[in-house]
Amino acid sequence: MTHHRVGVVGAGRVGAVLAAGLRAAGHEITAVAGESAASLARIEALLPDVPRERPSAVARGCDVLLLTVPDDMLGNVVRVLAQAGALREHQVVLHTSGRHGLAVLEPARAVGARVGALHPAMTFTGTAVDLERLGGCVFGLTADPLEMRLLEGLVADLGGRPMPVAEEMRTLYHAGLAHGANHLVTLVSEALEILAAAGAADPAGTLRPLLGAALDNALASGDAALTGPIVRGDVETVRGHLDDLLREAPQTLPSYVAMARATLGRAVGDGRLLPIRAARISALLDAALGEERPAERAVREARAAERAVGEGRA
């Protein structure tokens, strides 16, 4: 194993944890940059005795520079460090952005640095809990062949699994992760709100076994794991959902309708739902989101739309 002198710019949830993981694997963390109160707390908890320096000082003092700043800041950070003379030939400059590949590191490459993208496909808390979760975590890697071997070594040291991602596919790769993880949090939060509105004493406890089973089934079987009223074509159940959401939890209605449409398309596409029944559900969804309309009017229009479909007028 080759031990590296690693500097970290950005002591956010990702940077502090990866630095702690690399340190535990035997790498020297030379310094870390972080300014916010949360960053300072993470440095104290996860990287005791590691010096805290300005980004330019961190960059000058390491052989491997890990940039763990937000996506929209990354390009500017690289440019500023390069213009300040903080980056040098043969230095390894890596970032942990899911969206970006190598193009954002061009200022570093221009001064002769070796560059790469190393993105952990995991959601972070920024605490020691994440260190165990790194085991088996997939890292999306983009690099030239020589740097790819170095990145794969760092991932192995963290206990992760490398997955090459083509430069032109980085944003699409990241969209898949964000859609699955970030939107899942929103979806679950709204489900908790709906159950609370229904009077559930423990919404999280109610959802936990259901969501755990649904996630496992979806990861194993994809669309075949779909269940529920839309796949069954239960028009009246969907109508009831829309009625009650309009009345009791209207803030959740747009996402319910959006996900219902996506589910409807998948159920029709694999032949489990007849088109005529899908059309009736689609008519309900079409009428459910009228802007600035009272609930009663939205429900009345949904029912009228359904009758029109049944009579062949729509």
Protein backbone atom coordinates (compact mmCIF):
# COMPACT_ATOMS: atom_id res chain seq x y z
CA MET A 1 0.00 0.00 0.00
CA THR A 2 1.29 3.47 -0.89
CA HIS A 3 0.79 6.04 1.84
CA HIS A 4 -0.02 9.54 0.64
CA ARG A 5 0.18 12.98 2.20
CA VAL A 6 -3.42 14.15 1.77
CA GLY A 7 -4.81 17.66 2.16
CA VAL A 8 -8.54 18.34 2.27
CA VAL A 9 -10.24 21.57 1.21
CA GLY A 10 -13.77 21.52 2.56
CA ALA A 11 -14.54 19.93 5.93
CA GLY A 12 -18.17 19.26 5.08
CA ARG A 13 -19.94 15.99 5.75
CA VAL A 14 -18.12 14.22 2.93
CA GLY A 15 -14.66 15.73 3.29
CA ALA A 16 -14.29 15.18 7.02
CA VAL A 17 -15.45 11.58 6.82
CA LEU A 18 -13.27 10.66 3.83
CA ALA A 19 -10.28 12.30 5.49
CA ALA A 20 -10.92 10.31 8.67
CA GLY A 21 -11.27 7.11 6.64
CA LEU A 22 -8.01 7.72 4.77
CA ARG A 23 -6.24 8.56 8.02
CA ALA A 24 -7.46 5.32 9.58
CA ALA A 25 -6.08 3.48 6.54
CA GLY A 26 -2.62 4.90 7.16
CA HIS A 27 -2.51 8.01 5.01
CA GLU A 28 -1.23 11.26 6.51
CA ILE A 29 -3.78 14.07 6.56
CA THR A 30 -1.50 17.07 6.38
CA ALA A 31 -4.10 19.80 6.84
CA VAL A 32 -7.77 20.58 6.30
CA ALA A 33 -9.61 23.77 5.38
CA GLY A 34 -12.98 24.60 6.92
CA GLU A 35 -14.54 27.76 8.30
CA SER A 36 -18.14 27.18 9.42
CA ALA A 37 -19.05 26.19 12.96
CA ALA A 38 -20.26 22.82 11.69
CA SER A 39 -16.97 22.24 9.84
CA LEU A 40 -14.94 23.13 12.92
CA ALA A 41 -16.98 20.68 15.00
CA ARG A 42 -16.42 17.91 12.43
CA ILE A 43 -12.68 18.59 12.36
CA GLU A 44 -12.51 18.38 16.13
CA ALA A 45 -14.56 15.16 16.26
CA LEU A 46 -13.15 13.27 13.28
CA LEU A 47 -9.69 14.77 12.70
CA PRO A 48 -8.22 15.61 16.08
CA ASP A 49 -4.72 17.14 15.90
CA VAL A 50 -4.97 17.74 12.14
CA PRO A 51 -3.93 21.35 11.40
CA ARG A 52 -6.59 23.69 10.02
CA GLU A 53 -5.20 25.94 7.30
CA ARG A 54 -6.32 28.25 4.52
CA PRO A 55 -7.12 26.41 1.24
CA SER A 56 -3.94 27.63 -0.48
CA ALA A 57 -1.78 26.43 2.43
CA VAL A 58 -3.55 23.06 2.44
CA ALA A 59 -2.89 22.69 -1.31
CA ARG A 60 0.79 23.62 -1.04
CA GLY A 61 1.48 21.16 1.76
CA CYS A 62 0.17 17.90 0.30
CA ASP A 63 0.83 15.43 -2.48
CA VAL A 64 -2.83 14.46 -2.90
CA LEU A 65 -5.36 17.30 -2.71
CA LEU A 66 -8.97 16.34 -2.08
CA LEU A 67 -11.50 19.04 -2.96
CA THR A 68 -14.79 18.37 -1.19
CA VAL A 69 -16.57 21.67 -1.77
CA PRO A 70 -20.11 22.13 -3.19
CA ASP A 71 -20.52 21.52 -6.94
CA ASP A 72 -21.17 25.14 -7.83
CA MET A 73 -18.06 26.33 -5.95
CA LEU A 74 -15.68 23.73 -7.34
CA GLY A 75 -14.66 25.46 -10.57
CA ASN A 76 -13.86 28.71 -8.80
CA VAL A 77 -11.86 26.95 -6.07
CA VAL A 78 -9.71 25.17 -8.65
CA ARG A 79 -9.10 28.38 -10.61
CA VAL A 80 -8.17 30.38 -7.52
CA LEU A 81 -5.75 27.72 -6.27
CA ALA A 82 -4.11 27.43 -9.69
CA GLN A 83 -3.80 31.20 -10.11
CA ALA A 84 -2.31 31.49 -6.62
CA GLY A 85 0.42 29.01 -7.52
CA ALA A 86 -0.83 26.57 -4.86
CA LEU A 87 -1.02 23.66 -7.34
CA ARG A 88 2.04 22.10 -8.91
CA GLU A 89 3.25 19.61 -11.48
CA HIS A 90 2.75 15.92 -10.61
CA GLN A 91 0.53 16.76 -7.64
CA VAL A 92 -2.70 14.73 -7.56
CA VAL A 93 -5.84 16.90 -7.46
CA LEU A 94 -9.13 15.08 -6.90
CA HIS A 95 -12.68 16.18 -6.27
CA THR A 96 -15.71 14.38 -4.81
CA SER A 97 -18.44 15.99 -6.93
CA GLY A 98 -20.92 13.58 -8.47
CA ARG A 99 -21.86 15.93 -11.29
CA HIS A 100 -18.42 17.03 -12.43
CA GLY A 101 -15.78 15.04 -14.20
CA LEU A 102 -12.31 16.16 -15.30
CA ALA A 103 -13.20 19.32 -17.23
CA VAL A 104 -13.70 21.32 -14.03
CA LEU A 105 -10.12 20.45 -13.03
CA GLU A 106 -8.58 21.82 -16.23
CA PRO A 107 -6.77 24.70 -14.42
CA ALA A 108 -5.01 22.09 -12.29
CA ARG A 109 -4.18 19.93 -15.27
CA ALA A 110 -2.81 23.00 -17.06
CA VAL A 111 -0.08 23.40 -14.43
CA GLY A 112 0.85 19.73 -14.72
CA ALA A 113 -1.19 18.21 -11.91
CA ARG A 114 -2.72 14.73 -12.20
CA VAL A 115 -6.49 14.94 -11.86
CA GLY A 116 -9.45 12.72 -11.11
CA ALA A 117 -13.05 12.57 -9.84
CA LEU A 118 -13.90 10.35 -6.88
CA HIS A 119 -17.54 10.44 -5.80
CA PRO A 120 -18.97 8.25 -3.02
CA ALA A 121 -22.50 7.12 -3.87
CA MET A 122 -23.72 7.54 -0.32
CA THR A 123 -25.54 10.07 1.79
CA PHE A 124 -23.45 11.40 4.68
CA THR A 125 -24.23 12.53 8.22
CA GLY A 126 -20.74 13.93 8.76
CA THR A 127 -20.20 11.75 11.85
CA ALA A 128 -18.28 8.60 12.74
CA VAL A 129 -21.38 6.60 11.78
CA ASP A 130 -20.43 7.15 8.12
CA LEU A 131 -17.06 5.43 8.48
CA GLU A 132 -18.67 2.01 8.75
CA ARG A 133 -21.02 2.81 5.88
CA LEU A 134 -18.05 3.37 3.56
CA GLY A 135 -17.54 -0.40 3.56
CA GLY A 136 -18.99 -1.60 0.25
CA CYS A 137 -19.91 1.94 -0.87
CA VAL A 138 -19.61 2.44 -4.63
CA PHE A 139 -17.35 5.31 -5.74
CA GLY A 140 -17.94 6.81 -9.18
CA LEU A 141 -14.47 7.35 -10.66
CA THR A 142 -13.41 9.37 -13.68
CA ALA A 143 -9.71 9.59 -14.52
CA ASP A 144 -7.06 8.77 -17.10
CA PRO A 145 -5.63 5.23 -16.84
CA LEU A 146 -2.61 6.13 -14.67
CA GLU A 147 -4.68 8.17 -12.22
CA MET A 148 -7.46 5.55 -12.26
CA ARG A 149 -5.14 3.05 -10.59
CA LEU A 150 -4.38 5.57 -7.85
CA LEU A 151 -8.07 6.30 -7.31
CA GLU A 152 -8.90 2.61 -7.16
CA GLY A 153 -6.25 2.22 -4.47
CA LEU A 154 -7.75 5.03 -2.37
CA VAL A 155 -11.22 3.51 -2.73
CA ALA A 156 -9.89 0.12 -1.63
CA ASP A 157 -8.30 1.77 1.41
CA LEU A 158 -11.70 3.20 2.31
CA GLY A 159 -13.33 -0.22 1.92
CA GLY A 160 -15.35 0.89 -1.10
CA ARG A 161 -15.97 -0.45 -4.59
CA PRO A 162 -14.79 1.46 -7.68
CA MET A 163 -17.11 2.10 -10.63
CA PRO A 164 -15.71 3.90 -13.70
CA VAL A 165 -17.96 6.67 -15.05
CA ALA A 166 -17.29 8.21 -18.46
CA GLU A 167 -16.64 11.96 -18.48
CA GLU A 168 -19.70 12.69 -20.63
CA MET A 169 -21.94 10.60 -18.32
CA ARG A 170 -21.07 12.25 -15.00
CA THR A 171 -24.15 14.49 -14.83
CA LEU A 172 -26.49 11.66 -15.81
CA TYR A 173 -24.84 9.40 -13.22
CA HIS A 174 -25.37 12.05 -10.57
CA ALA A 175 -28.98 12.65 -11.65
CA GLY A 176 -29.74 8.97 -11.07
CA LEU A 177 -28.32 9.12 -7.55
CA ALA A 178 -30.03 12.40 -6.68
CA HIS A 179 -33.37 11.23 -8.05
CA GLY A 180 -33.14 8.03 -6.03
CA ALA A 181 -31.80 9.40 -2.74
CA ASN A 182 -32.69 13.09 -2.43
CA HIS A 183 -36.18 12.72 -3.83
CA LEU A 184 -36.70 9.65 -1.66
CA VAL A 185 -36.15 11.83 1.42
CA THR A 186 -38.77 14.29 0.15
CA LEU A 187 -41.18 11.49 -0.63
CA VAL A 188 -40.78 9.87 2.79
CA SER A 189 -41.11 13.23 4.55
CA GLU A 190 -44.39 13.88 2.77
CA ALA A 191 -45.63 10.38 3.60
CA LEU A 192 -44.86 11.11 7.26
CA GLU A 193 -46.89 14.32 7.04
CA ILE A 194 -49.84 12.50 5.51
CA LEU A 195 -49.82 9.80 8.18
CA ALA A 196 -49.54 12.42 10.91
CA ALA A 197 -52.56 14.21 9.43
CA ALA A 198 -54.39 10.87 9.51
CA GLY A 199 -53.70 10.61 13.24
CA ALA A 200 -50.86 8.08 13.27
CA ALA A 201 -49.11 8.22 16.64
CA ASP A 202 -45.82 6.94 15.20
CA PRO A 203 -45.64 7.73 11.48
CA ALA A 204 -41.98 6.67 11.19
CA GLY A 205 -42.61 3.35 12.92
CA THR A 206 -45.62 2.77 10.69
CA LEU A 207 -43.63 3.36 7.51
CA ARG A 208 -40.34 1.68 8.43
CA PRO A 209 -41.21 -1.98 7.70
CA LEU A 210 -43.21 -1.04 4.60
CA LEU A 211 -40.48 1.16 3.13
CA GLY A 212 -37.75 -1.32 3.98
CA ALA A 213 -39.58 -4.11 2.17
CA ALA A 214 -40.48 -1.86 -0.78
CA LEU A 215 -36.86 -0.71 -1.19
CA ASP A 216 -35.47 -4.23 -1.03
CA ASN A 217 -38.06 -5.48 -3.51
CA ALA A 218 -37.48 -2.57 -5.91
CA LEU A 219 -33.71 -3.03 -5.87
CA ALA A 220 -34.12 -6.74 -6.52
CA SER A 221 -36.99 -6.69 -9.01
CA GLY A 222 -37.46 -3.19 -10.43
CA ASP A 223 -40.95 -2.52 -11.80
CA ALA A 224 -42.08 -6.03 -10.88
CA ALA A 225 -42.12 -4.84 -7.25
CA LEU A 226 -44.87 -2.29 -7.94
CA THR A 227 -48.04 -2.83 -5.92
CA GLY A 228 -50.93 -0.62 -4.87
CA PRO A 229 -54.06 0.98 -6.26
CA ILE A 230 -52.63 2.33 -9.51
CA VAL A 231 -51.16 -1.01 -10.61
CA ARG A 232 -54.45 -2.66 -9.67
CA GLY A 233 -56.46 -0.01 -11.50
CA ASP A 234 -58.45 0.93 -8.39
CA VAL A 235 -59.93 4.17 -9.72
CA GLU A 236 -62.11 4.86 -6.70
CA THR A 237 -59.19 4.42 -4.30
CA VAL A 238 -57.11 6.92 -6.25
CA ARG A 239 -60.09 9.28 -6.29
CA GLY A 240 -60.33 8.95 -2.51
CA HIS A 241 -56.63 9.68 -2.12
CA LEU A 242 -56.94 12.84 -4.17
CA ASP A 243 -60.04 13.99 -2.29
CA ASP A 244 -58.43 13.57 1.11
CA LEU A 245 -55.07 15.00 0.11
CA LEU A 246 -56.79 18.08 -1.28
CA ARG A 247 -58.56 18.53 2.02
CA GLU A 248 -56.01 17.42 4.62
CA ALA A 249 -52.49 17.60 3.12
CA PRO A 250 -52.59 19.77 -0.03
CA GLN A 251 -48.82 20.43 0.11
CA THR A 252 -48.23 16.79 -0.82
CA LEU A 253 -50.63 16.68 -3.77
CA PRO A 254 -48.21 17.77 -6.55
CA SER A 255 -45.68 15.05 -5.76
CA TYR A 256 -48.42 12.44 -5.30
CA VAL A 257 -49.78 13.27 -8.76
CA ALA A 258 -46.30 13.31 -10.34
CA MET A 259 -45.37 9.92 -8.91
CA ALA A 260 -48.82 8.52 -9.71
CA ARG A 261 -48.31 9.52 -13.36
CA ALA A 262 -44.91 7.84 -13.46
CA THR A 263 -46.30 4.70 -11.84
CA LEU A 264 -49.24 4.72 -14.24
CA GLY A 265 -46.93 4.80 -17.23
CA ARG A 266 -44.89 1.88 -15.95
CA ALA A 267 -47.96 -0.19 -15.14
CA VAL A 268 -49.36 0.35 -18.64
CA GLY A 269 -45.98 -0.23 -20.26
CA ASP A 270 -45.53 -3.69 -18.79
CA GLY A 271 -49.14 -4.69 -19.52
CA ARG A 272 -50.42 -4.97 -15.97
CA LEU A 273 -52.95 -2.16 -16.36
CA LEU A 274 -55.47 -1.94 -19.17
CA PRO A 275 -55.36 1.35 -21.12
CA ILE A 276 -59.03 2.12 -20.50
CA ARG A 277 -58.58 1.92 -16.75
CA ALA A 278 -55.35 3.89 -17.00
CA ALA A 279 -57.22 6.62 -18.90
CA ARG A 280 -59.73 6.93 -16.08
CA ILE A 281 -56.97 7.35 -13.51
CA SER A 282 -55.13 9.76 -15.78
CA ALA A 283 -58.27 11.90 -16.04
CA LEU A 284 -58.44 12.14 -12.26
CA LEU A 285 -54.81 13.20 -12.07
CA ASP A 286 -55.29 15.77 -14.85
CA ALA A 287 -58.03 17.49 -12.90
CA ALA A 288 -56.45 17.32 -9.45
CA LEU A 289 -53.92 20.14 -9.75
CA GLY A 290 -55.95 23.09 -11.00
CA GLU A 291 -54.18 26.22 -9.82
CA GLU A 292 -55.96 28.27 -7.18
CA ARG A 293 -59.10 26.15 -7.37
CA PRO A 294 -60.94 25.07 -4.22
CA ALA A 295 -60.89 21.38 -3.44
CA GLU A 296 -64.55 20.92 -4.26
CA ARG A 297 -64.13 22.27 -7.78
CA ALA A 298 -61.07 20.11 -8.44
CA VAL A 299 -62.90 16.99 -7.31
CA ARG A 300 -66.02 17.88 -9.36
CA GLU A 301 -63.90 18.39 -12.50
CA ALA A 302 -62.10 15.10 -11.91
CA ARG A 303 -65.41 13.26 -11.80
CA ALA A 304 -66.66 15.04 -14.91
CA ALA A 305 -63.47 14.13 -16.75
CA GLU A 306 -63.88 10.50 -15.78
CA ARG A 307 -67.46 10.43 -17.06
CA ALA A 308 -66.32 11.96 -20.33
CA VAL A 309 -63.71 9.26 -20.79
CA GLY A 310 -66.28 6.56 -20.02
CA GLU A 311 -68.69 7.99 -22.57
CA GLY A 312 -66.02 8.33 -25.23
CA ARG A 313 -66.16 12.12 -25.34
CA ALA A 314 -62.54 12.70 -24.26
